């Protein structure tokens, strides 16, 4: 996944989590974002979960950091 997509995903998640009183411990916003990007959602979600992103807030806090390493 390209770094710009990860960066845009994290920006979107930050906005969504703020607007919706935090995380509901699902990947709802991540899935919605990925569907709009027209990527293979299940493959990307598998990668995200493997990198520590079990829910939207974990994507924001773990996946972006690991992608930058």
PDB file of N, CA and C in Angstrom:
ATOM      1  N   UNK A   1       0.848  -1.167   0.000  1.00  0.00           N
ATOM      2  CA  UNK A   1       0.000   0.000   0.000  1.00  0.00           C
ATOM      3  C   UNK A   1       0.895   1.232   0.000  1.00  0.00           C
ATOM      4  N   UNK A   2       0.542   2.206  -0.792  1.00  0.00           N
ATOM      5  CA  UNK A   2       1.346   3.415  -0.913  1.00  0.00           C
ATOM      6  C   UNK A   2       1.273   4.261   0.355  1.00  0.00           C
ATOM      7  N   UNK A   3       2.363   4.957   0.632  1.00  0.00           N
ATOM      8  CA  UNK A   3       2.409   5.782   1.843  1.00  0.00           C
ATOM      9  C   UNK A   3       1.348   6.882   1.827  1.00  0.00           C
ATOM     10  N   UNK A   4       1.022   7.400   0.651  1.00  0.00           N
ATOM     11  CA  UNK A   4       0.001   8.446   0.581  1.00  0.00           C
ATOM     12  C   UNK A   4      -1.370   7.907   0.978  1.00  0.00           C
ATOM     13  N   UNK A   5      -1.659   6.649   0.643  1.00  0.00           N
ATOM     14  CA  UNK A   5      -2.932   6.043   1.027  1.00  0.00           C
ATOM     15  C   UNK A   5      -2.981   5.862   2.539  1.00  0.00           C
ATOM     16  N   UNK A   6      -1.889   5.407   3.126  1.00  0.00           N
ATOM     17  CA  UNK A   6      -1.834   5.239   4.578  1.00  0.00           C
ATOM     18  C   UNK A   6      -1.988   6.587   5.269  1.00  0.00           C
ATOM     19  N   UNK A   7      -1.313   7.590   4.757  1.00  0.00           N
ATOM     20  CA  UNK A   7      -1.405   8.925   5.330  1.00  0.00           C
ATOM     21  C   UNK A   7      -2.841   9.460   5.245  1.00  0.00           C
ATOM     22  N   UNK A   8      -3.469   9.290   4.089  1.00  0.00           N
ATOM     23  CA  UNK A   8      -4.851   9.736   3.912  1.00  0.00           C
ATOM     24  C   UNK A   8      -5.808   8.937   4.784  1.00  0.00           C
ATOM     25  N   UNK A   9      -5.573   7.647   4.918  1.00  0.00           N
ATOM     26  CA  UNK A   9      -6.392   6.804   5.798  1.00  0.00           C
ATOM     27  C   UNK A   9      -6.313   7.311   7.226  1.00  0.00           C
ATOM     28  N   UNK A  10      -5.123   7.582   7.700  1.00  0.00           N
ATOM     29  CA  UNK A  10      -4.959   8.032   9.082  1.00  0.00           C
ATOM     30  C   UNK A  10      -5.588   9.404   9.311  1.00  0.00           C
ATOM     31  N   UNK A  11      -5.481  10.282   8.334  1.00  0.00           N
ATOM     32  CA  UNK A  11      -6.127  11.592   8.451  1.00  0.00           C
ATOM     33  C   UNK A  11      -7.640  11.423   8.516  1.00  0.00           C
ATOM     34  N   UNK A  12      -8.168  10.561   7.676  1.00  0.00           N
ATOM     35  CA  UNK A  12      -9.612  10.296   7.671  1.00  0.00           C
ATOM     36  C   UNK A  12     -10.052   9.686   8.998  1.00  0.00           C
ATOM     37  N   UNK A  13      -9.284   8.730   9.505  1.00  0.00           N
ATOM     38  CA  UNK A  13      -9.636   8.095  10.774  1.00  0.00           C
ATOM     39  C   UNK A  13      -9.623   9.099  11.919  1.00  0.00           C
ATOM     40  N   UNK A  14      -8.627   9.963  11.943  1.00  0.00           N
ATOM     41  CA  UNK A  14      -8.556  10.972  13.006  1.00  0.00           C
ATOM     42  C   UNK A  14      -9.810  11.832  12.995  1.00  0.00           C
ATOM     43  N   UNK A  15     -10.242  12.244  11.807  1.00  0.00           N
ATOM     44  CA  UNK A  15     -11.453  13.061  11.692  1.00  0.00           C
ATOM     45  C   UNK A  15     -12.693  12.272  12.115  1.00  0.00           C
ATOM     46  N   UNK A  16     -12.815  11.043  11.628  1.00  0.00           N
ATOM     47  CA  UNK A  16     -13.992  10.227  11.933  1.00  0.00           C
ATOM     48  C   UNK A  16     -14.079   9.893  13.422  1.00  0.00           C
ATOM     49  N   UNK A  17     -12.959   9.533  14.020  1.00  0.00           N
ATOM     50  CA  UNK A  17     -12.965   9.186  15.439  1.00  0.00           C
ATOM     51  C   UNK A  17     -13.313  10.398  16.296  1.00  0.00           C
ATOM     52  N   UNK A  18     -12.812  11.559  15.897  1.00  0.00           N
ATOM     53  CA  UNK A  18     -13.126  12.784  16.631  1.00  0.00           C
ATOM     54  C   UNK A  18     -14.607  13.130  16.497  1.00  0.00           C
ATOM     55  N   UNK A  19     -15.135  12.986  15.304  1.00  0.00           N
ATOM     56  CA  UNK A  19     -16.530  13.355  15.042  1.00  0.00           C
ATOM     57  C   UNK A  19     -17.530  12.363  15.638  1.00  0.00           C
ATOM     58  N   UNK A  20     -17.072  11.146  15.942  1.00  0.00           N
ATOM     59  CA  UNK A  20     -17.976  10.097  16.409  1.00  0.00           C
ATOM     60  C   UNK A  20     -17.676   9.635  17.832  1.00  0.00           C
ATOM     61  N   UNK A  21     -17.134  10.523  18.629  1.00  0.00           N
ATOM     62  CA  UNK A  21     -16.860  10.220  20.043  1.00  0.00           C
ATOM     63  C   UNK A  21     -15.957   9.016  20.235  1.00  0.00           C
ATOM     64  N   UNK A  22     -14.962   8.871  19.380  1.00  0.00           N
ATOM     65  CA  UNK A  22     -13.965   7.830  19.569  1.00  0.00           C
ATOM     66  C   UNK A  22     -14.249   6.551  18.814  1.00  0.00           C
ATOM     67  N   UNK A  23     -13.524   5.530  19.216  1.00  0.00           N
ATOM     68  CA  UNK A  23     -13.526   4.244  18.527  1.00  0.00           C
ATOM     69  C   UNK A  23     -14.584   3.311  19.112  1.00  0.00           C
ATOM     70  N   UNK A  24     -15.268   2.584  18.224  1.00  0.00           N
ATOM     71  CA  UNK A  24     -16.227   1.574  18.686  1.00  0.00           C
ATOM     72  C   UNK A  24     -15.608   0.175  18.631  1.00  0.00           C
ATOM     73  N   UNK A  25     -14.279   0.130  18.485  1.00  0.00           N
ATOM     74  CA  UNK A  25     -13.496  -1.109  18.479  1.00  0.00           C
ATOM     75  C   UNK A  25     -13.832  -2.011  17.297  1.00  0.00           C
ATOM     76  N   UNK A  26     -14.092  -1.358  16.156  1.00  0.00           N
ATOM     77  CA  UNK A  26     -14.294  -2.073  14.900  1.00  0.00           C
ATOM     78  C   UNK A  26     -13.414  -1.397  13.848  1.00  0.00           C
ATOM     79  N   UNK A  27     -13.463  -1.931  12.654  1.00  0.00           N
ATOM     80  CA  UNK A  27     -12.737  -1.339  11.528  1.00  0.00           C
ATOM     81  C   UNK A  27     -13.701  -0.662  10.552  1.00  0.00           C
ATOM     82  N   UNK A  28     -14.806  -0.165  11.058  1.00  0.00           N
ATOM     83  CA  UNK A  28     -15.850   0.412  10.212  1.00  0.00           C
ATOM     84  C   UNK A  28     -15.332   1.551   9.343  1.00  0.00           C
ATOM     85  N   UNK A  29     -14.674   2.522   9.938  1.00  0.00           N
ATOM     86  CA  UNK A  29     -14.207   3.684   9.179  1.00  0.00           C
ATOM     87  C   UNK A  29     -13.057   3.306   8.247  1.00  0.00           C
ATOM     88  N   UNK A  30     -12.209   2.387   8.685  1.00  0.00           N
ATOM     89  CA  UNK A  30     -11.124   1.908   7.834  1.00  0.00           C
ATOM     90  C   UNK A  30     -11.701   1.222   6.600  1.00  0.00           C
ATOM     91  N   UNK A  31     -12.674   0.350   6.803  1.00  0.00           N
ATOM     92  CA  UNK A  31     -13.310  -0.360   5.691  1.00  0.00           C
ATOM     93  C   UNK A  31     -13.968   0.630   4.729  1.00  0.00           C
ATOM     94  N   UNK A  32     -14.706   1.605   5.255  1.00  0.00           N
ATOM     95  CA  UNK A  32     -15.359   2.604   4.404  1.00  0.00           C
ATOM     96  C   UNK A  32     -14.336   3.360   3.552  1.00  0.00           C
ATOM     97  N   UNK A  33     -13.232   3.756   4.171  1.00  0.00           N
ATOM     98  CA  UNK A  33     -12.182   4.470   3.441  1.00  0.00           C
ATOM     99  C   UNK A  33     -11.614   3.593   2.333  1.00  0.00           C
ATOM    100  N   UNK A  34     -11.293   2.350   2.652  1.00  0.00           N
ATOM    101  CA  UNK A  34     -10.688   1.451   1.673  1.00  0.00           C
ATOM    102  C   UNK A  34     -11.628   1.172   0.508  1.00  0.00           C
ATOM    103  N   UNK A  35     -12.910   1.029   0.783  1.00  0.00           N
ATOM    104  CA  UNK A  35     -13.878   0.795  -0.290  1.00  0.00           C
ATOM    105  C   UNK A  35     -13.906   1.964  -1.264  1.00  0.00           C
ATOM    106  N   UNK A  36     -13.735   3.163  -0.782  1.00  0.00           N
ATOM    107  CA  UNK A  36     -13.711   4.345  -1.654  1.00  0.00           C
ATOM    108  C   UNK A  36     -12.431   4.408  -2.483  1.00  0.00           C
ATOM    109  N   UNK A  37     -11.364   3.760  -1.991  1.00  0.00           N
ATOM    110  CA  UNK A  37     -10.085   3.770  -2.707  1.00  0.00           C
ATOM    111  C   UNK A  37     -10.038   2.735  -3.820  1.00  0.00           C
ATOM    112  N   UNK A  38     -11.040   1.883  -3.871  1.00  0.00           N
ATOM    113  CA  UNK A  38     -11.126   0.833  -4.884  1.00  0.00           C
ATOM    114  C   UNK A  38      -9.914  -0.105  -4.836  1.00  0.00           C
ATOM    115  N   UNK A  39      -9.563  -0.506  -3.626  1.00  0.00           N
ATOM    116  CA  UNK A  39      -8.510  -1.498  -3.422  1.00  0.00           C
ATOM    117  C   UNK A  39      -9.173  -2.803  -2.984  1.00  0.00           C
ATOM    118  N   UNK A  40      -8.406  -3.883  -2.970  1.00  0.00           N
ATOM    119  CA  UNK A  40      -8.924  -5.156  -2.479  1.00  0.00           C
ATOM    120  C   UNK A  40      -9.019  -5.046  -0.958  1.00  0.00           C
ATOM    121  N   UNK A  41     -10.198  -4.739  -0.479  1.00  0.00           N
ATOM    122  CA  UNK A  41     -10.419  -4.406   0.929  1.00  0.00           C
ATOM    123  C   UNK A  41      -9.965  -5.536   1.843  1.00  0.00           C
ATOM    124  N   UNK A  42     -10.308  -6.762   1.539  1.00  0.00           N
ATOM    125  CA  UNK A  42      -9.973  -7.878   2.431  1.00  0.00           C
ATOM    126  C   UNK A  42      -8.465  -8.103   2.523  1.00  0.00           C
ATOM    127  N   UNK A  43      -7.754  -7.968   1.437  1.00  0.00           N
ATOM    128  CA  UNK A  43      -6.293  -8.125   1.470  1.00  0.00           C
ATOM    129  C   UNK A  43      -5.667  -7.020   2.311  1.00  0.00           C
ATOM    130  N   UNK A  44      -6.119  -5.789   2.109  1.00  0.00           N
ATOM    131  CA  UNK A  44      -5.560  -4.663   2.870  1.00  0.00           C
ATOM    132  C   UNK A  44      -5.923  -4.787   4.347  1.00  0.00           C
ATOM    133  N   UNK A  45      -7.158  -5.187   4.648  1.00  0.00           N
ATOM    134  CA  UNK A  45      -7.542  -5.370   6.054  1.00  0.00           C
ATOM    135  C   UNK A  45      -6.725  -6.465   6.715  1.00  0.00           C
ATOM    136  N   UNK A  46      -6.443  -7.549   5.995  1.00  0.00           N
ATOM    137  CA  UNK A  46      -5.583  -8.606   6.549  1.00  0.00           C
ATOM    138  C   UNK A  46      -4.212  -8.038   6.905  1.00  0.00           C
ATOM    139  N   UNK A  47      -3.654  -7.225   6.017  1.00  0.00           N
ATOM    140  CA  UNK A  47      -2.351  -6.604   6.270  1.00  0.00           C
ATOM    141  C   UNK A  47      -2.439  -5.675   7.477  1.00  0.00           C
ATOM    142  N   UNK A  48      -3.495  -4.872   7.532  1.00  0.00           N
ATOM    143  CA  UNK A  48      -3.679  -3.924   8.631  1.00  0.00           C
ATOM    144  C   UNK A  48      -3.765  -4.650   9.970  1.00  0.00           C
ATOM    145  N   UNK A  49      -4.561  -5.701  10.039  1.00  0.00           N
ATOM    146  CA  UNK A  49      -4.700  -6.465  11.287  1.00  0.00           C
ATOM    147  C   UNK A  49      -3.362  -7.086  11.666  1.00  0.00           C
ATOM    148  N   UNK A  50      -2.637  -7.602  10.691  1.00  0.00           N
ATOM    149  CA  UNK A  50      -1.317  -8.198  10.945  1.00  0.00           C
ATOM    150  C   UNK A  50      -0.325  -7.171  11.486  1.00  0.00           C
ATOM    151  N   UNK A  51      -0.510  -5.917  11.128  1.00  0.00           N
ATOM    152  CA  UNK A  51       0.376  -4.841  11.587  1.00  0.00           C
ATOM    153  C   UNK A  51      -0.099  -4.188  12.880  1.00  0.00           C
ATOM    154  N   UNK A  52      -1.107  -4.761  13.525  1.00  0.00           N
ATOM    155  CA  UNK A  52      -1.543  -4.246  14.819  1.00  0.00           C
ATOM    156  C   UNK A  52      -2.771  -3.381  14.766  1.00  0.00           C
ATOM    157  N   UNK A  53      -3.480  -3.372  13.636  1.00  0.00           N
ATOM    158  CA  UNK A  53      -4.664  -2.539  13.496  1.00  0.00           C
ATOM    159  C   UNK A  53      -5.945  -3.327  13.650  1.00  0.00           C
ATOM    160  N   UNK A  54      -6.284  -3.711  14.857  1.00  0.00           N
ATOM    161  CA  UNK A  54      -7.480  -4.506  15.096  1.00  0.00           C
ATOM    162  C   UNK A  54      -8.768  -3.700  15.110  1.00  0.00           C
ATOM    163  N   UNK A  55      -8.661  -2.390  15.220  1.00  0.00           N
ATOM    164  CA  UNK A  55      -9.823  -1.492  15.173  1.00  0.00           C
ATOM    165  C   UNK A  55      -9.330  -0.148  14.654  1.00  0.00           C
ATOM    166  N   UNK A  56     -10.261   0.757  14.415  1.00  0.00           N
ATOM    167  CA  UNK A  56      -9.895   2.036  13.806  1.00  0.00           C
ATOM    168  C   UNK A  56      -8.843   2.812  14.601  1.00  0.00           C
ATOM    169  N   UNK A  57      -8.963   2.849  15.926  1.00  0.00           N
ATOM    170  CA  UNK A  57      -7.973   3.619  16.697  1.00  0.00           C
ATOM    171  C   UNK A  57      -6.607   2.945  16.672  1.00  0.00           C
ATOM    172  N   UNK A  58      -6.579   1.608  16.618  1.00  0.00           N
ATOM    173  CA  UNK A  58      -5.297   0.909  16.522  1.00  0.00           C
ATOM    174  C   UNK A  58      -4.650   1.130  15.159  1.00  0.00           C
ATOM    175  N   UNK A  59      -5.465   1.257  14.113  1.00  0.00           N
ATOM    176  CA  UNK A  59      -4.915   1.605  12.800  1.00  0.00           C
ATOM    177  C   UNK A  59      -4.226   2.958  12.904  1.00  0.00           C
ATOM    178  N   UNK A  60      -4.906   3.892  13.514  1.00  0.00           N
ATOM    179  CA  UNK A  60      -4.356   5.239  13.652  1.00  0.00           C
ATOM    180  C   UNK A  60      -3.062   5.239  14.454  1.00  0.00           C
ATOM    181  N   UNK A  61      -3.003   4.482  15.530  1.00  0.00           N
ATOM    182  CA  UNK A  61      -1.846   4.522  16.420  1.00  0.00           C
ATOM    183  C   UNK A  61      -0.745   3.530  16.082  1.00  0.00           C
ATOM    184  N   UNK A  62      -1.070   2.405  15.456  1.00  0.00           N
ATOM    185  CA  UNK A  62      -0.059   1.376  15.204  1.00  0.00           C
ATOM    186  C   UNK A  62       0.370   1.276  13.754  1.00  0.00           C
ATOM    187  N   UNK A  63      -0.572   1.284  12.843  1.00  0.00           N
ATOM    188  CA  UNK A  63      -0.254   0.991  11.449  1.00  0.00           C
ATOM    189  C   UNK A  63       0.548   2.110  10.809  1.00  0.00           C
ATOM    190  N   UNK A  64       0.168   3.359  11.010  1.00  0.00           N
ATOM    191  CA  UNK A  64       0.931   4.452  10.417  1.00  0.00           C
ATOM    192  C   UNK A  64       2.373   4.434  10.914  1.00  0.00           C
ATOM    193  N   UNK A  65       2.550   4.209  12.201  1.00  0.00           N
ATOM    194  CA  UNK A  65       3.903   4.161  12.768  1.00  0.00           C
ATOM    195  C   UNK A  65       4.726   3.033  12.151  1.00  0.00           C
ATOM    196  N   UNK A  66       4.139   1.865  12.000  1.00  0.00           N
ATOM    197  CA  UNK A  66       4.860   0.726  11.416  1.00  0.00           C
ATOM    198  C   UNK A  66       5.151   0.933   9.941  1.00  0.00           C
ATOM    199  N   UNK A  67       4.264   1.628   9.252  1.00  0.00           N
ATOM    200  CA  UNK A  67       4.465   1.878   7.830  1.00  0.00           C
ATOM    201  C   UNK A  67       5.635   2.817   7.616  1.00  0.00           C
ATOM    202  N   UNK A  68       5.862   3.733   8.542  1.00  0.00           N
ATOM    203  CA  UNK A  68       6.937   4.719   8.422  1.00  0.00           C
ATOM    204  C   UNK A  68       8.291   4.124   8.736  1.00  0.00           C
ATOM    205  N   UNK A  69       8.347   2.957   9.388  1.00  0.00           N
ATOM    206  CA  UNK A  69       9.640   2.373   9.797  1.00  0.00           C
ATOM    207  C   UNK A  69      10.473   1.946   8.633  1.00  0.00           C
TER     208      UNK A  69
END
